[in-house]
Amino acid sequence: MLTRLKEEKNIDWNDCPDWYKWGTFIKKEGYLLETETPTKAKVMVKRHRTATSSFPLSGFSPEHMRFLLCKEINNTEKADVSVNS
């Protein structure tokens, strides 16, 4: 099928971006933010943002399963699941 894509449409699968080949996983990512209260006291608060990742699921490693099934990830977990996993 990849040969046919290259021959008929002149599209090289290896040149396509990861999000195009594998889709995009979207998770809620928790992080700490240093801010000030109205009394000017510095505090660390937990905030959330949307994190996206694209990687092939050639197998279900423990890292992939944890990423797929968890409700929220943090910065270190996002780095654990990469294209090279």
C-alpha atoms as a PDB file:
ATOM      1  CA  MET A   1       0.000   0.000   0.000  1.00  0.00           C
ATOM      2  CA  LEU A   2       2.863   2.419   0.780  1.00  0.00           C
ATOM      3  CA  THR A   3       4.456   1.577  -2.559  1.00  0.00           C
ATOM      4  CA  ARG A   4       1.209   2.364  -4.314  1.00  0.00           C
ATOM      5  CA  LEU A   5       0.919   5.680  -2.470  1.00  0.00           C
ATOM      6  CA  LYS A   6       4.420   6.612  -3.644  1.00  0.00           C
ATOM      7  CA  GLU A   7       3.896   5.461  -7.244  1.00  0.00           C
ATOM      8  CA  GLU A   8       0.386   6.809  -7.848  1.00  0.00           C
ATOM      9  CA  LYS A   9       0.345   9.984  -5.743  1.00  0.00           C
ATOM     10  CA  ASN A  10       4.093  10.647  -5.340  1.00  0.00           C
ATOM     11  CA  ILE A  11       3.686  10.826  -1.534  1.00  0.00           C
ATOM     12  CA  ASP A  12       6.486   9.445   0.617  1.00  0.00           C
ATOM     13  CA  TRP A  13       5.004   8.105   3.850  1.00  0.00           C
ATOM     14  CA  ASN A  14       8.249   8.740   5.754  1.00  0.00           C
ATOM     15  CA  ASP A  15       8.064  12.470   4.919  1.00  0.00           C
ATOM     16  CA  CYS A  16       4.546  12.860   6.347  1.00  0.00           C
ATOM     17  CA  PRO A  17       4.227  14.448   9.817  1.00  0.00           C
ATOM     18  CA  ASP A  18       3.521  12.128  12.760  1.00  0.00           C
ATOM     19  CA  TRP A  19       0.066  13.604  13.419  1.00  0.00           C
ATOM     20  CA  TYR A  20      -0.903  12.726   9.842  1.00  0.00           C
ATOM     21  CA  LYS A  21       0.365   9.132  10.085  1.00  0.00           C
ATOM     22  CA  TRP A  22      -0.703   8.235  13.627  1.00  0.00           C
ATOM     23  CA  GLY A  23      -3.365  10.754  14.650  1.00  0.00           C
ATOM     24  CA  THR A  24      -3.215  12.951  17.740  1.00  0.00           C
ATOM     25  CA  PHE A  25      -3.723  12.012  21.376  1.00  0.00           C
ATOM     26  CA  ILE A  26      -5.031  14.828  23.566  1.00  0.00           C
ATOM     27  CA  LYS A  27      -4.654  14.735  27.343  1.00  0.00           C
ATOM     28  CA  LYS A  28      -5.018  17.139  30.235  1.00  0.00           C
ATOM     29  CA  GLU A  29      -1.562  18.079  31.535  1.00  0.00           C
ATOM     30  CA  GLY A  30      -0.986  19.316  35.095  1.00  0.00           C
ATOM     31  CA  TYR A  31       1.778  21.798  35.887  1.00  0.00           C
ATOM     32  CA  LEU A  32       2.803  24.097  38.734  1.00  0.00           C
ATOM     33  CA  LEU A  33       2.640  27.869  38.335  1.00  0.00           C
ATOM     34  CA  GLU A  34       4.242  30.376  40.686  1.00  0.00           C
ATOM     35  CA  THR A  35       1.941  33.348  41.246  1.00  0.00           C
ATOM     36  CA  GLU A  36       1.104  36.020  43.814  1.00  0.00           C
ATOM     37  CA  THR A  37      -1.912  36.337  46.069  1.00  0.00           C
ATOM     38  CA  PRO A  38      -3.642  39.720  46.517  1.00  0.00           C
ATOM     39  CA  THR A  39      -1.441  40.224  49.599  1.00  0.00           C
ATOM     40  CA  LYS A  40       1.684  39.746  47.384  1.00  0.00           C
ATOM     41  CA  ALA A  41       2.592  36.380  48.926  1.00  0.00           C
ATOM     42  CA  LYS A  42       4.192  33.991  46.421  1.00  0.00           C
ATOM     43  CA  VAL A  43       2.417  30.656  46.101  1.00  0.00           C
ATOM     44  CA  MET A  44       2.639  27.612  43.822  1.00  0.00           C
ATOM     45  CA  VAL A  45      -0.682  26.576  42.293  1.00  0.00           C
ATOM     46  CA  LYS A  46      -1.603  23.617  40.120  1.00  0.00           C
ATOM     47  CA  ARG A  47      -2.960  24.502  36.697  1.00  0.00           C
ATOM     48  CA  HIS A  48      -4.001  22.464  33.675  1.00  0.00           C
ATOM     49  CA  ARG A  49      -3.495  22.784  29.938  1.00  0.00           C
ATOM     50  CA  THR A  50      -4.128  20.633  26.897  1.00  0.00           C
ATOM     51  CA  ALA A  51      -1.191  18.492  25.758  1.00  0.00           C
ATOM     52  CA  THR A  52      -0.989  16.712  22.418  1.00  0.00           C
ATOM     53  CA  SER A  53       1.200  13.836  21.305  1.00  0.00           C
ATOM     54  CA  SER A  54       1.535  11.629  18.223  1.00  0.00           C
ATOM     55  CA  PHE A  55       3.252   8.249  18.178  1.00  0.00           C
ATOM     56  CA  PRO A  56       2.771   4.847  16.539  1.00  0.00           C
ATOM     57  CA  LEU A  57       1.013   2.211  18.606  1.00  0.00           C
ATOM     58  CA  SER A  58       2.852  -0.786  17.236  1.00  0.00           C
ATOM     59  CA  GLY A  59       2.361  -2.536  20.565  1.00  0.00           C
ATOM     60  CA  PHE A  60       0.854  -1.858  23.939  1.00  0.00           C
ATOM     61  CA  SER A  61       3.826  -1.212  26.195  1.00  0.00           C
ATOM     62  CA  PRO A  62       3.164  -0.294  29.855  1.00  0.00           C
ATOM     63  CA  GLU A  63       4.030   3.344  29.044  1.00  0.00           C
ATOM     64  CA  HIS A  64       1.506   3.457  26.202  1.00  0.00           C
ATOM     65  CA  MET A  65      -1.214   1.843  28.308  1.00  0.00           C
ATOM     66  CA  ARG A  66      -0.616   4.270  31.176  1.00  0.00           C
ATOM     67  CA  PHE A  67      -0.745   7.226  28.778  1.00  0.00           C
ATOM     68  CA  LEU A  68      -3.920   6.004  27.060  1.00  0.00           C
ATOM     69  CA  LEU A  69      -5.820   5.189  30.247  1.00  0.00           C
ATOM     70  CA  CYS A  70      -4.825   8.046  32.544  1.00  0.00           C
ATOM     71  CA  LYS A  71      -7.070  11.053  33.014  1.00  0.00           C
ATOM     72  CA  GLU A  72      -4.237  13.538  33.439  1.00  0.00           C
ATOM     73  CA  ILE A  73      -0.507  13.534  32.718  1.00  0.00           C
ATOM     74  CA  ASN A  74       2.325  15.647  34.057  1.00  0.00           C
ATOM     75  CA  ASN A  75       5.411  16.976  32.262  1.00  0.00           C
ATOM     76  CA  THR A  76       7.577  13.911  32.991  1.00  0.00           C
ATOM     77  CA  GLU A  77       4.964  11.443  31.752  1.00  0.00           C
ATOM     78  CA  LYS A  78       4.612  13.350  28.487  1.00  0.00           C
ATOM     79  CA  ALA A  79       8.337  12.912  27.867  1.00  0.00           C
ATOM     80  CA  ASP A  80       8.097   9.140  28.566  1.00  0.00           C
ATOM     81  CA  VAL A  81       5.740   8.480  25.651  1.00  0.00           C
ATOM     82  CA  SER A  82       7.395   9.605  22.444  1.00  0.00           C
ATOM     83  CA  VAL A  83       7.701   8.604  18.823  1.00  0.00           C
ATOM     84  CA  ASN A  84      10.696   6.448  19.687  1.00  0.00           C
ATOM     85  CA  SER A  85       8.865   4.408  22.355  1.00  0.00           C
END
